[in-house]
Amino acid sequence: MIRLFLVDDHALLRHGLRALFSQEDSFAVVGEAEDGEQLLAQLPTTPCDVVLLDLHMPGLDGLATTQRLRAEYPDVRILVLSMVDNEWSIGQVLAAGAHGYVLKNAGHDEIIVAVRAVAAGRRFLCSDLGLAMLEKVLAGNPEPTTKAKNVLSAREQEILQLVADGLTTAQIAEKLYTSPRTVETHRQNIMEKTGAKNTAALIKTAASQGWLS
């Protein structure tokens, strides 16, 4: 039985993962947390084999949590599950000690395979990332791209521009005829895809790359 601990600030995603693993007899979800601090507070009384960890979270983020886990719980295996596909961010967390990395848009079967591989002591990189990196090598361009705008949806680009224009979440929601929660979800996705740590860093990067009108 593989004991899993789910760490993500989106409750809906945690619930979905719990439902996924509940269908498999070889898994048991033993705990959930919204960030690294909650995880570390529970681990002394909730032992686990694998931590399934988001990269960008409020409070103690995935990179800092990975560093703490490797120092304080070296036997716990770490699998990062994130929307971030930036090679630099991935390289950072793997260098910090994560044992695997899977994109959130991976299929359910691949996520299960990833957890089993990491629990068995192996390293794992999801197929989309592996293929993308291989294509860059074959094209003679191994350097990571910084054109994050290419991976943003049209709505995410629109929200990025409005954030840069100084609008609040409530104002953006009103302008786009949607809910503030939906806007916050898009903002979180933008942060994850670009690897920005905060709004100021996001706007600085967007401006330097010419993503803003």
N, C-alpha and C. Protein backbone atom coordinates (compact mmCIF):
# COMPACT_ATOMS: atom_id res chain seq x y z
N MET A 1 0.84 -1.20 0.00
CA MET A 1 0.00 0.00 0.00
C MET A 1 0.87 1.25 0.00
N ILE A 2 0.66 2.13 -0.97
CA ILE A 2 1.41 3.39 -1.06
C ILE A 2 0.60 4.48 -0.37
N ARG A 3 1.18 5.06 0.66
CA ARG A 3 0.50 6.12 1.41
C ARG A 3 0.83 7.48 0.78
N LEU A 4 -0.22 8.19 0.38
CA LEU A 4 -0.06 9.46 -0.33
C LEU A 4 -0.51 10.64 0.52
N PHE A 5 0.22 11.74 0.38
CA PHE A 5 -0.18 13.00 1.01
C PHE A 5 -0.31 14.03 -0.11
N LEU A 6 -1.49 14.65 -0.24
CA LEU A 6 -1.78 15.60 -1.31
C LEU A 6 -1.59 17.03 -0.82
N VAL A 7 -0.78 17.81 -1.56
CA VAL A 7 -0.52 19.20 -1.16
C VAL A 7 -0.78 20.11 -2.35
N ASP A 8 -1.87 20.88 -2.27
CA ASP A 8 -2.24 21.82 -3.33
C ASP A 8 -3.22 22.82 -2.73
N ASP A 9 -3.09 24.09 -3.12
CA ASP A 9 -3.97 25.09 -2.53
C ASP A 9 -5.36 25.11 -3.16
N HIS A 10 -5.60 24.29 -4.17
CA HIS A 10 -6.93 24.18 -4.77
C HIS A 10 -7.62 22.92 -4.24
N ALA A 11 -8.66 23.14 -3.43
CA ALA A 11 -9.37 22.02 -2.81
C ALA A 11 -10.00 21.12 -3.87
N LEU A 12 -10.49 21.71 -4.96
CA LEU A 12 -11.14 20.92 -6.00
C LEU A 12 -10.17 19.92 -6.62
N LEU A 13 -8.93 20.34 -6.84
CA LEU A 13 -7.93 19.44 -7.39
C LEU A 13 -7.61 18.32 -6.40
N ARG A 14 -7.47 18.67 -5.13
CA ARG A 14 -7.19 17.63 -4.12
C ARG A 14 -8.31 16.61 -4.08
N HIS A 15 -9.54 17.08 -4.13
CA HIS A 15 -10.68 16.17 -4.10
C HIS A 15 -10.68 15.26 -5.33
N GLY A 16 -10.33 15.82 -6.48
CA GLY A 16 -10.25 15.02 -7.69
C GLY A 16 -9.17 13.95 -7.60
N LEU A 17 -8.02 14.32 -7.06
CA LEU A 17 -6.94 13.35 -6.90
C LEU A 17 -7.32 12.27 -5.90
N ARG A 18 -7.96 12.67 -4.81
CA ARG A 18 -8.40 11.68 -3.82
C ARG A 18 -9.36 10.67 -4.47
N ALA A 19 -10.27 11.17 -5.29
CA ALA A 19 -11.22 10.29 -5.97
C ALA A 19 -10.50 9.35 -6.93
N LEU A 20 -9.49 9.90 -7.64
CA LEU A 20 -8.71 9.08 -8.57
C LEU A 20 -8.01 7.93 -7.87
N PHE A 21 -7.31 8.24 -6.78
CA PHE A 21 -6.53 7.21 -6.11
C PHE A 21 -7.41 6.25 -5.30
N SER A 22 -8.61 6.68 -4.95
CA SER A 22 -9.51 5.79 -4.21
C SER A 22 -9.98 4.63 -5.08
N GLN A 23 -9.84 4.77 -6.39
CA GLN A 23 -10.23 3.70 -7.31
C GLN A 23 -9.16 2.62 -7.43
N GLU A 24 -7.99 2.88 -6.84
CA GLU A 24 -6.87 1.93 -6.92
C GLU A 24 -6.62 1.32 -5.55
N ASP A 25 -6.62 -0.01 -5.49
CA ASP A 25 -6.45 -0.70 -4.20
C ASP A 25 -5.07 -0.50 -3.58
N SER A 26 -4.08 -0.16 -4.41
CA SER A 26 -2.71 -0.07 -3.91
C SER A 26 -2.35 1.31 -3.36
N PHE A 27 -3.34 2.24 -3.31
CA PHE A 27 -3.08 3.59 -2.81
C PHE A 27 -3.98 3.91 -1.62
N ALA A 28 -3.46 4.74 -0.72
CA ALA A 28 -4.25 5.27 0.38
C ALA A 28 -3.86 6.72 0.59
N VAL A 29 -4.81 7.64 0.41
CA VAL A 29 -4.55 9.06 0.68
C VAL A 29 -4.68 9.27 2.18
N VAL A 30 -3.55 9.58 2.83
CA VAL A 30 -3.54 9.68 4.29
C VAL A 30 -3.67 11.11 4.78
N GLY A 31 -3.52 12.10 3.89
CA GLY A 31 -3.61 13.48 4.35
C GLY A 31 -3.67 14.47 3.21
N GLU A 32 -4.14 15.67 3.52
CA GLU A 32 -4.20 16.77 2.55
C GLU A 32 -3.72 18.06 3.23
N ALA A 33 -3.15 18.95 2.43
CA ALA A 33 -2.72 20.25 2.94
C ALA A 33 -2.80 21.28 1.83
N GLU A 34 -2.99 22.55 2.23
CA GLU A 34 -3.06 23.64 1.26
C GLU A 34 -1.69 24.20 0.92
N ASP A 35 -0.70 23.97 1.75
CA ASP A 35 0.65 24.47 1.47
C ASP A 35 1.66 23.64 2.26
N GLY A 36 2.94 23.98 2.09
CA GLY A 36 3.99 23.21 2.73
C GLY A 36 3.97 23.28 4.24
N GLU A 37 3.57 24.41 4.78
CA GLU A 37 3.54 24.55 6.24
C GLU A 37 2.52 23.60 6.87
N GLN A 38 1.35 23.49 6.25
CA GLN A 38 0.35 22.56 6.76
C GLN A 38 0.84 21.12 6.64
N LEU A 39 1.50 20.81 5.55
CA LEU A 39 2.06 19.46 5.37
C LEU A 39 3.04 19.12 6.47
N LEU A 40 4.01 20.01 6.70
CA LEU A 40 5.06 19.74 7.68
C LEU A 40 4.50 19.66 9.10
N ALA A 41 3.40 20.37 9.35
CA ALA A 41 2.78 20.32 10.68
C ALA A 41 2.10 18.97 10.91
N GLN A 42 1.66 18.32 9.83
CA GLN A 42 0.93 17.06 9.97
C GLN A 42 1.82 15.82 9.88
N LEU A 43 2.95 15.93 9.21
CA LEU A 43 3.78 14.75 8.96
C LEU A 43 4.24 14.01 10.22
N PRO A 44 4.53 14.69 11.33
CA PRO A 44 4.96 13.93 12.52
C PRO A 44 3.93 12.90 12.98
N THR A 45 2.65 13.15 12.73
CA THR A 45 1.61 12.22 13.16
C THR A 45 0.91 11.54 11.98
N THR A 46 1.34 11.87 10.75
CA THR A 46 0.73 11.27 9.56
C THR A 46 1.83 10.81 8.61
N PRO A 47 2.45 9.67 8.90
CA PRO A 47 3.53 9.19 8.03
C PRO A 47 3.00 8.85 6.63
N CYS A 48 3.84 9.09 5.62
CA CYS A 48 3.44 8.79 4.25
C CYS A 48 4.66 8.32 3.46
N ASP A 49 4.39 7.77 2.29
CA ASP A 49 5.46 7.29 1.41
C ASP A 49 5.77 8.30 0.31
N VAL A 50 4.73 8.93 -0.23
CA VAL A 50 4.89 9.87 -1.34
C VAL A 50 4.09 11.13 -1.07
N VAL A 51 4.73 12.29 -1.27
CA VAL A 51 4.03 13.57 -1.21
C VAL A 51 3.82 14.03 -2.65
N LEU A 52 2.55 14.25 -3.00
CA LEU A 52 2.19 14.80 -4.31
C LEU A 52 2.02 16.29 -4.12
N LEU A 53 2.91 17.08 -4.74
CA LEU A 53 3.13 18.46 -4.33
C LEU A 53 2.98 19.44 -5.49
N ASP A 54 2.19 20.50 -5.28
CA ASP A 54 2.10 21.59 -6.25
C ASP A 54 3.36 22.45 -6.14
N LEU A 55 3.69 23.18 -7.21
CA LEU A 55 4.90 24.00 -7.19
C LEU A 55 4.63 25.39 -6.64
N HIS A 56 3.62 26.08 -7.16
CA HIS A 56 3.32 27.44 -6.72
C HIS A 56 2.13 27.44 -5.79
N MET A 57 2.38 27.76 -4.52
CA MET A 57 1.33 27.83 -3.50
C MET A 57 1.62 29.02 -2.61
N PRO A 58 0.59 29.60 -1.99
CA PRO A 58 0.85 30.66 -1.00
C PRO A 58 1.56 30.06 0.20
N GLY A 59 2.24 30.89 0.96
CA GLY A 59 2.98 30.36 2.11
C GLY A 59 4.23 29.65 1.65
N LEU A 60 4.47 28.47 2.18
CA LEU A 60 5.65 27.69 1.81
C LEU A 60 5.39 27.00 0.48
N ASP A 61 6.09 27.43 -0.58
CA ASP A 61 5.81 26.90 -1.91
C ASP A 61 6.46 25.54 -2.14
N GLY A 62 6.29 25.01 -3.35
CA GLY A 62 6.77 23.67 -3.63
C GLY A 62 8.27 23.52 -3.54
N LEU A 63 9.02 24.52 -4.01
CA LEU A 63 10.48 24.43 -3.97
C LEU A 63 10.98 24.42 -2.53
N ALA A 64 10.50 25.37 -1.72
CA ALA A 64 10.92 25.43 -0.31
C ALA A 64 10.46 24.19 0.45
N THR A 65 9.28 23.70 0.14
CA THR A 65 8.78 22.49 0.81
C THR A 65 9.64 21.28 0.46
N THR A 66 10.04 21.19 -0.80
CA THR A 66 10.92 20.09 -1.22
C THR A 66 12.24 20.12 -0.45
N GLN A 67 12.80 21.30 -0.30
CA GLN A 67 14.06 21.43 0.44
C GLN A 67 13.90 21.00 1.90
N ARG A 68 12.79 21.41 2.52
CA ARG A 68 12.52 21.03 3.91
C ARG A 68 12.30 19.52 4.03
N LEU A 69 11.55 18.94 3.10
CA LEU A 69 11.29 17.50 3.15
C LEU A 69 12.57 16.70 3.01
N ARG A 70 13.43 17.10 2.11
CA ARG A 70 14.69 16.34 1.92
C ARG A 70 15.57 16.43 3.16
N ALA A 71 15.51 17.56 3.85
CA ALA A 71 16.33 17.73 5.05
C ALA A 71 15.73 17.04 6.27
N GLU A 72 14.39 17.09 6.41
CA GLU A 72 13.74 16.60 7.62
C GLU A 72 13.11 15.22 7.48
N TYR A 73 12.74 14.86 6.25
CA TYR A 73 12.10 13.56 6.00
C TYR A 73 12.71 12.93 4.76
N PRO A 74 13.97 12.54 4.83
CA PRO A 74 14.68 12.06 3.63
C PRO A 74 14.10 10.79 3.02
N ASP A 75 13.31 10.03 3.78
CA ASP A 75 12.73 8.80 3.25
C ASP A 75 11.44 9.03 2.47
N VAL A 76 10.88 10.22 2.60
CA VAL A 76 9.64 10.54 1.88
C VAL A 76 9.97 10.86 0.43
N ARG A 77 9.24 10.25 -0.48
CA ARG A 77 9.44 10.51 -1.91
C ARG A 77 8.58 11.70 -2.34
N ILE A 78 9.06 12.49 -3.27
CA ILE A 78 8.40 13.74 -3.66
C ILE A 78 8.10 13.72 -5.15
N LEU A 79 6.82 13.86 -5.49
CA LEU A 79 6.40 13.98 -6.88
C LEU A 79 5.69 15.32 -7.05
N VAL A 80 6.23 16.18 -7.90
CA VAL A 80 5.64 17.49 -8.14
C VAL A 80 4.59 17.37 -9.23
N LEU A 81 3.40 17.92 -8.96
CA LEU A 81 2.31 17.95 -9.93
C LEU A 81 1.94 19.41 -10.14
N SER A 82 2.26 19.96 -11.33
CA SER A 82 2.14 21.40 -11.53
C SER A 82 1.79 21.73 -12.97
N MET A 83 1.27 22.95 -13.18
CA MET A 83 1.05 23.46 -14.54
C MET A 83 2.32 24.06 -15.13
N VAL A 84 3.32 24.32 -14.32
CA VAL A 84 4.54 24.99 -14.76
C VAL A 84 5.35 24.05 -15.66
N ASP A 85 5.61 24.49 -16.90
CA ASP A 85 6.41 23.68 -17.82
C ASP A 85 7.71 24.38 -18.21
N ASN A 86 8.11 25.36 -17.39
CA ASN A 86 9.35 26.08 -17.63
C ASN A 86 10.54 25.24 -17.16
N GLU A 87 11.51 25.02 -18.05
CA GLU A 87 12.62 24.12 -17.74
C GLU A 87 13.43 24.58 -16.52
N TRP A 88 13.56 25.88 -16.36
CA TRP A 88 14.34 26.39 -15.23
C TRP A 88 13.67 26.04 -13.91
N SER A 89 12.36 26.24 -13.82
CA SER A 89 11.63 25.92 -12.60
C SER A 89 11.66 24.43 -12.31
N ILE A 90 11.50 23.63 -13.36
CA ILE A 90 11.54 22.18 -13.20
C ILE A 90 12.92 21.74 -12.73
N GLY A 91 13.96 22.30 -13.36
CA GLY A 91 15.33 21.96 -12.97
C GLY A 91 15.62 22.33 -11.53
N GLN A 92 15.09 23.47 -11.08
CA GLN A 92 15.31 23.90 -9.69
C GLN A 92 14.75 22.91 -8.69
N VAL A 93 13.50 22.50 -8.90
CA VAL A 93 12.87 21.63 -7.92
C VAL A 93 13.45 20.21 -7.98
N LEU A 94 13.85 19.76 -9.15
CA LEU A 94 14.51 18.45 -9.24
C LEU A 94 15.88 18.50 -8.57
N ALA A 95 16.59 19.60 -8.76
CA ALA A 95 17.90 19.76 -8.11
C ALA A 95 17.75 19.83 -6.60
N ALA A 96 16.61 20.35 -6.14
CA ALA A 96 16.37 20.45 -4.69
C ALA A 96 16.03 19.11 -4.07
N GLY A 97 15.75 18.11 -4.91
CA GLY A 97 15.52 16.77 -4.37
C GLY A 97 14.22 16.11 -4.74
N ALA A 98 13.38 16.76 -5.55
CA ALA A 98 12.14 16.10 -5.99
C ALA A 98 12.51 14.89 -6.85
N HIS A 99 11.71 13.83 -6.74
CA HIS A 99 12.01 12.59 -7.45
C HIS A 99 11.28 12.45 -8.77
N GLY A 100 10.31 13.34 -9.01
CA GLY A 100 9.58 13.27 -10.26
C GLY A 100 8.80 14.55 -10.50
N TYR A 101 8.36 14.72 -11.76
CA TYR A 101 7.64 15.93 -12.14
C TYR A 101 6.60 15.55 -13.20
N VAL A 102 5.35 15.94 -12.93
CA VAL A 102 4.25 15.64 -13.84
C VAL A 102 3.42 16.90 -14.04
N LEU A 103 3.01 17.16 -15.27
CA LEU A 103 2.13 18.29 -15.54
C LEU A 103 0.70 17.95 -15.15
N LYS A 104 -0.05 18.96 -14.71
CA LYS A 104 -1.42 18.72 -14.27
C LYS A 104 -2.35 18.30 -15.41
N ASN A 105 -1.94 18.55 -16.65
CA ASN A 105 -2.78 18.12 -17.76
C ASN A 105 -2.46 16.70 -18.23
N ALA A 106 -1.61 16.00 -17.48
CA ALA A 106 -1.29 14.61 -17.81
C ALA A 106 -2.52 13.74 -17.59
N GLY A 107 -2.58 12.62 -18.28
CA GLY A 107 -3.69 11.69 -18.10
C GLY A 107 -3.65 11.02 -16.74
N HIS A 108 -4.80 10.54 -16.30
CA HIS A 108 -4.88 9.86 -15.00
C HIS A 108 -3.93 8.68 -14.92
N ASP A 109 -3.84 7.92 -16.01
CA ASP A 109 -2.96 6.74 -16.01
C ASP A 109 -1.51 7.13 -15.80
N GLU A 110 -1.09 8.23 -16.42
CA GLU A 110 0.31 8.65 -16.29
C GLU A 110 0.60 9.13 -14.87
N ILE A 111 -0.36 9.80 -14.24
CA ILE A 111 -0.17 10.24 -12.86
C ILE A 111 0.00 9.04 -11.94
N ILE A 112 -0.81 8.02 -12.14
CA ILE A 112 -0.71 6.81 -11.32
C ILE A 112 0.62 6.12 -11.54
N VAL A 113 1.04 6.03 -12.80
CA VAL A 113 2.33 5.41 -13.11
C VAL A 113 3.46 6.20 -12.46
N ALA A 114 3.36 7.52 -12.49
CA ALA A 114 4.39 8.37 -11.89
C ALA A 114 4.51 8.13 -10.40
N VAL A 115 3.39 8.06 -9.70
CA VAL A 115 3.42 7.83 -8.25
C VAL A 115 4.04 6.47 -7.95
N ARG A 116 3.67 5.45 -8.70
CA ARG A 116 4.22 4.12 -8.47
C ARG A 116 5.73 4.08 -8.73
N ALA A 117 6.16 4.79 -9.79
CA ALA A 117 7.59 4.82 -10.10
C ALA A 117 8.38 5.50 -8.99
N VAL A 118 7.90 6.65 -8.55
CA VAL A 118 8.59 7.39 -7.50
C VAL A 118 8.59 6.59 -6.19
N ALA A 119 7.47 5.95 -5.86
CA ALA A 119 7.40 5.15 -4.64
C ALA A 119 8.36 3.97 -4.68
N ALA A 120 8.63 3.48 -5.89
CA ALA A 120 9.53 2.33 -6.06
C ALA A 120 10.99 2.74 -6.09
N GLY A 121 11.26 4.04 -5.94
CA GLY A 121 12.64 4.50 -5.88
C GLY A 121 13.20 4.99 -7.20
N ARG A 122 12.34 5.13 -8.20
CA ARG A 122 12.81 5.60 -9.50
C ARG A 122 12.51 7.08 -9.69
N ARG A 123 13.13 7.69 -10.69
CA ARG A 123 12.84 9.07 -11.06
C ARG A 123 11.78 9.04 -12.16
N PHE A 124 11.02 10.16 -12.29
CA PHE A 124 9.98 10.19 -13.31
C PHE A 124 9.82 11.59 -13.86
N LEU A 125 9.71 11.68 -15.19
CA LEU A 125 9.42 12.93 -15.87
C LEU A 125 8.31 12.63 -16.87
N CYS A 126 7.23 13.41 -16.82
CA CYS A 126 6.07 13.08 -17.66
C CYS A 126 6.43 13.16 -19.14
N SER A 127 5.68 12.44 -19.95
CA SER A 127 6.02 12.27 -21.36
C SER A 127 6.02 13.59 -22.13
N ASP A 128 5.08 14.48 -21.83
CA ASP A 128 5.03 15.75 -22.55
C ASP A 128 6.30 16.56 -22.36
N LEU A 129 6.80 16.60 -21.14
CA LEU A 129 8.03 17.34 -20.86
C LEU A 129 9.23 16.67 -21.51
N GLY A 130 9.30 15.35 -21.41
CA GLY A 130 10.42 14.62 -22.00
C GLY A 130 10.49 14.81 -23.51
N LEU A 131 9.34 14.74 -24.17
CA LEU A 131 9.29 14.91 -25.61
C LEU A 131 9.65 16.33 -26.02
N ALA A 132 9.16 17.32 -25.26
CA ALA A 132 9.45 18.71 -25.58
C ALA A 132 10.95 18.98 -25.48
N MET A 133 11.57 18.46 -24.42
CA MET A 133 13.01 18.66 -24.26
C MET A 133 13.79 17.94 -25.36
N LEU A 134 13.34 16.75 -25.74
CA LEU A 134 14.01 16.02 -26.80
C LEU A 134 13.91 16.76 -28.12
N GLU A 135 12.75 17.33 -28.41
CA GLU A 135 12.57 18.08 -29.64
C GLU A 135 13.51 19.29 -29.70
N LYS A 136 13.74 19.93 -28.56
CA LYS A 136 14.65 21.08 -28.53
C LYS A 136 16.08 20.64 -28.81
N VAL A 137 16.45 19.49 -28.24
CA VAL A 137 17.81 18.97 -28.47
C VAL A 137 17.98 18.62 -29.94
N LEU A 138 16.98 17.94 -30.50
CA LEU A 138 17.07 17.53 -31.91
C LEU A 138 17.07 18.74 -32.84
N ALA A 139 16.44 19.82 -32.42
CA ALA A 139 16.40 21.03 -33.23
C ALA A 139 17.64 21.88 -33.03
N GLY A 140 18.55 21.43 -32.15
CA GLY A 140 19.77 22.18 -31.89
C GLY A 140 19.53 23.39 -31.05
N ASN A 141 18.45 23.38 -30.23
CA ASN A 141 18.12 24.53 -29.39
C ASN A 141 17.74 24.07 -28.00
N PRO A 142 18.74 23.61 -27.20
CA PRO A 142 18.43 23.09 -25.88
C PRO A 142 18.10 24.16 -24.85
N GLU A 143 18.31 25.46 -25.21
CA GLU A 143 18.05 26.50 -24.23
C GLU A 143 16.56 26.64 -23.99
N PRO A 144 16.15 26.79 -22.74
CA PRO A 144 14.72 26.96 -22.45
C PRO A 144 14.19 28.27 -23.03
N THR A 145 12.96 28.22 -23.54
CA THR A 145 12.35 29.43 -24.07
C THR A 145 11.74 30.26 -22.95
N THR A 146 11.73 31.58 -23.12
CA THR A 146 11.09 32.45 -22.15
C THR A 146 9.81 33.04 -22.72
N LYS A 147 9.37 32.55 -23.87
CA LYS A 147 8.16 33.07 -24.50
C LYS A 147 6.93 32.44 -23.85
N ALA A 148 6.74 32.75 -22.60
CA ALA A 148 5.63 32.14 -21.87
C ALA A 148 4.29 32.53 -22.45
N LYS A 149 4.23 33.67 -23.14
CA LYS A 149 2.96 34.09 -23.72
C LYS A 149 2.44 33.05 -24.69
N ASN A 150 3.34 32.27 -25.30
CA ASN A 150 2.91 31.27 -26.26
C ASN A 150 2.07 30.18 -25.62
N VAL A 151 2.17 29.99 -24.31
CA VAL A 151 1.42 28.92 -23.65
C VAL A 151 0.23 29.48 -22.88
N LEU A 152 0.00 30.79 -22.95
CA LEU A 152 -1.16 31.37 -22.29
C LEU A 152 -2.36 31.35 -23.24
N SER A 153 -3.52 31.05 -22.69
CA SER A 153 -4.74 31.10 -23.50
C SER A 153 -5.08 32.56 -23.80
N ALA A 154 -6.02 32.76 -24.72
CA ALA A 154 -6.43 34.11 -25.06
C ALA A 154 -7.00 34.84 -23.85
N ARG A 155 -7.80 34.13 -23.05
CA ARG A 155 -8.38 34.76 -21.86
C ARG A 155 -7.29 35.09 -20.83
N GLU A 156 -6.29 34.20 -20.69
CA GLU A 156 -5.20 34.47 -19.75
C GLU A 156 -4.39 35.68 -20.19
N GLN A 157 -4.16 35.84 -21.49
CA GLN A 157 -3.45 37.01 -22.00
C GLN A 157 -4.25 38.28 -21.73
N GLU A 158 -5.57 38.16 -21.88
CA GLU A 158 -6.44 39.31 -21.64
C GLU A 158 -6.38 39.72 -20.17
N ILE A 159 -6.43 38.73 -19.28
CA ILE A 159 -6.37 39.03 -17.85
C ILE A 159 -5.01 39.57 -17.46
N LEU A 160 -3.95 39.04 -18.05
CA LEU A 160 -2.60 39.55 -17.79
C LEU A 160 -2.51 41.02 -18.12
N GLN A 161 -3.08 41.43 -19.25
CA GLN A 161 -3.06 42.84 -19.64
C GLN A 161 -3.83 43.69 -18.64
N LEU A 162 -4.98 43.21 -18.18
CA LEU A 162 -5.80 43.97 -17.23
C LEU A 162 -5.11 44.09 -15.87
N VAL A 163 -4.42 43.03 -15.46
CA VAL A 163 -3.64 43.09 -14.22
C VAL A 163 -2.55 44.16 -14.34
N ALA A 164 -1.87 44.16 -15.48
CA ALA A 164 -0.82 45.15 -15.72
C ALA A 164 -1.40 46.57 -15.77
N ASP A 165 -2.66 46.70 -16.19
CA ASP A 165 -3.31 48.01 -16.25
C ASP A 165 -3.73 48.48 -14.86
N GLY A 166 -3.57 47.63 -13.85
CA GLY A 166 -3.85 48.03 -12.47
C GLY A 166 -5.23 47.69 -11.97
N LEU A 167 -5.99 46.89 -12.72
CA LEU A 167 -7.33 46.54 -12.28
C LEU A 167 -7.28 45.47 -11.18
N THR A 168 -8.21 45.57 -10.24
CA THR A 168 -8.33 44.57 -9.19
C THR A 168 -9.06 43.34 -9.73
N THR A 169 -9.05 42.26 -8.93
CA THR A 169 -9.77 41.05 -9.34
C THR A 169 -11.25 41.33 -9.55
N ALA A 170 -11.85 42.10 -8.64
CA ALA A 170 -13.27 42.43 -8.75
C ALA A 170 -13.54 43.24 -10.01
N GLN A 171 -12.66 44.20 -10.33
CA GLN A 171 -12.85 45.03 -11.51
C GLN A 171 -12.70 44.21 -12.79
N ILE A 172 -11.73 43.28 -12.79
CA ILE A 172 -11.54 42.41 -13.96
C ILE A 172 -12.76 41.52 -14.16
N ALA A 173 -13.28 40.97 -13.06
CA ALA A 173 -14.46 40.11 -13.14
C ALA A 173 -15.65 40.87 -13.72
N GLU A 174 -15.82 42.11 -13.28
CA GLU A 174 -16.93 42.93 -13.78
C GLU A 174 -16.76 43.24 -15.26
N LYS A 175 -15.54 43.55 -15.65
CA LYS A 175 -15.26 43.92 -17.04
C LYS A 175 -15.46 42.73 -17.98
N LEU A 176 -15.10 41.53 -17.52
CA LEU A 176 -15.17 40.34 -18.37
C LEU A 176 -16.46 39.54 -18.16
N TYR A 177 -17.36 40.08 -17.31
CA TYR A 177 -18.64 39.41 -17.04
C TYR A 177 -18.44 37.98 -16.54
N THR A 178 -17.57 37.85 -15.56
CA THR A 178 -17.32 36.55 -14.96
C THR A 178 -17.20 36.73 -13.45
N SER A 179 -16.91 35.65 -12.72
CA SER A 179 -16.83 35.73 -11.27
C SER A 179 -15.41 36.03 -10.81
N PRO A 180 -15.24 36.67 -9.65
CA PRO A 180 -13.90 36.90 -9.11
C PRO A 180 -13.12 35.60 -8.91
N ARG A 181 -13.81 34.53 -8.53
CA ARG A 181 -13.13 33.25 -8.33
C ARG A 181 -12.54 32.74 -9.65
N THR A 182 -13.27 32.91 -10.74
CA THR A 182 -12.76 32.49 -12.04
C THR A 182 -11.52 33.31 -12.41
N VAL A 183 -11.57 34.60 -12.14
CA VAL A 183 -10.42 35.46 -12.42
C VAL A 183 -9.21 35.01 -11.60
N GLU A 184 -9.43 34.69 -10.32
CA GLU A 184 -8.33 34.24 -9.46
C GLU A 184 -7.73 32.94 -9.98
N THR A 185 -8.59 32.05 -10.48
CA THR A 185 -8.09 30.80 -11.05
C THR A 185 -7.21 31.06 -12.26
N HIS A 186 -7.65 31.97 -13.13
CA HIS A 186 -6.83 32.33 -14.30
C HIS A 186 -5.51 32.96 -13.87
N ARG A 187 -5.56 33.83 -12.86
CA ARG A 187 -4.33 34.46 -12.38
C ARG A 187 -3.35 33.42 -11.85
N GLN A 188 -3.87 32.45 -11.10
CA GLN A 188 -3.01 31.39 -10.57
C GLN A 188 -2.38 30.59 -11.71
N ASN A 189 -3.18 30.29 -12.74
CA ASN A 189 -2.65 29.56 -13.89
C ASN A 189 -1.56 30.35 -14.61
N ILE A 190 -1.76 31.67 -14.72
CA ILE A 190 -0.76 32.51 -15.36
C ILE A 190 0.54 32.49 -14.56
N MET A 191 0.43 32.58 -13.23
CA MET A 191 1.62 32.56 -12.38
C MET A 191 2.36 31.24 -12.53
N GLU A 192 1.60 30.14 -12.58
CA GLU A 192 2.23 28.83 -12.69
C GLU A 192 2.91 28.64 -14.04
N LYS A 193 2.24 29.08 -15.10
CA LYS A 193 2.79 28.89 -16.44
C LYS A 193 4.03 29.74 -16.68
N THR A 194 4.07 30.94 -16.09
CA THR A 194 5.21 31.83 -16.31
C THR A 194 6.31 31.65 -15.27
N GLY A 195 5.98 30.99 -14.16
CA GLY A 195 6.97 30.80 -13.11
C GLY A 195 7.19 32.03 -12.25
N ALA A 196 6.32 33.04 -12.38
CA ALA A 196 6.45 34.26 -11.58
C ALA A 196 6.07 33.99 -10.13
N LYS A 197 6.80 34.58 -9.20
CA LYS A 197 6.56 34.37 -7.78
C LYS A 197 5.46 35.28 -7.24
N ASN A 198 5.30 36.46 -7.85
CA ASN A 198 4.28 37.39 -7.38
C ASN A 198 3.87 38.27 -8.56
N THR A 199 2.87 39.13 -8.32
CA THR A 199 2.32 39.96 -9.39
C THR A 199 3.36 40.93 -9.95
N ALA A 200 4.16 41.51 -9.07
CA ALA A 200 5.18 42.46 -9.53
C ALA A 200 6.17 41.79 -10.47
N ALA A 201 6.60 40.58 -10.11
CA ALA A 201 7.54 39.85 -10.96
C ALA A 201 6.89 39.46 -12.28
N LEU A 202 5.60 39.12 -12.22
CA LEU A 202 4.86 38.76 -13.43
C LEU A 202 4.80 39.93 -14.40
N ILE A 203 4.44 41.10 -13.90
CA ILE A 203 4.32 42.29 -14.76
C ILE A 203 5.69 42.68 -15.32
N LYS A 204 6.73 42.60 -14.48
CA LYS A 204 8.08 42.94 -14.94
C LYS A 204 8.51 42.03 -16.09
N THR A 205 8.25 40.72 -15.92
CA THR A 205 8.60 39.77 -16.96
C THR A 205 7.79 40.02 -18.23
N ALA A 206 6.48 40.23 -18.06
CA ALA A 206 5.61 40.46 -19.21
C ALA A 206 6.03 41.70 -19.98
N ALA A 207 6.39 42.76 -19.26
CA ALA A 207 6.81 44.00 -19.91
C ALA A 207 8.13 43.82 -20.65
N SER A 208 9.08 43.12 -20.01
CA SER A 208 10.40 42.95 -20.63
C SER A 208 10.33 42.07 -21.87
N GLN A 209 9.36 41.16 -21.91
CA GLN A 209 9.22 40.25 -23.05
C GLN A 209 8.30 40.79 -24.14
N GLY A 210 7.72 41.97 -23.89
CA GLY A 210 6.87 42.58 -24.89
C GLY A 210 5.50 41.95 -25.01
N TRP A 211 5.00 41.36 -23.89
CA TRP A 211 3.71 40.69 -23.94
C TRP A 211 2.55 41.68 -23.73
N LEU A 212 2.85 42.89 -23.30
CA LEU A 212 1.80 43.85 -22.98
C LEU A 212 1.66 44.89 -24.08
N SER A 213 0.43 45.31 -24.29
CA SER A 213 0.20 46.34 -25.31
C SER A 213 0.33 47.72 -24.69
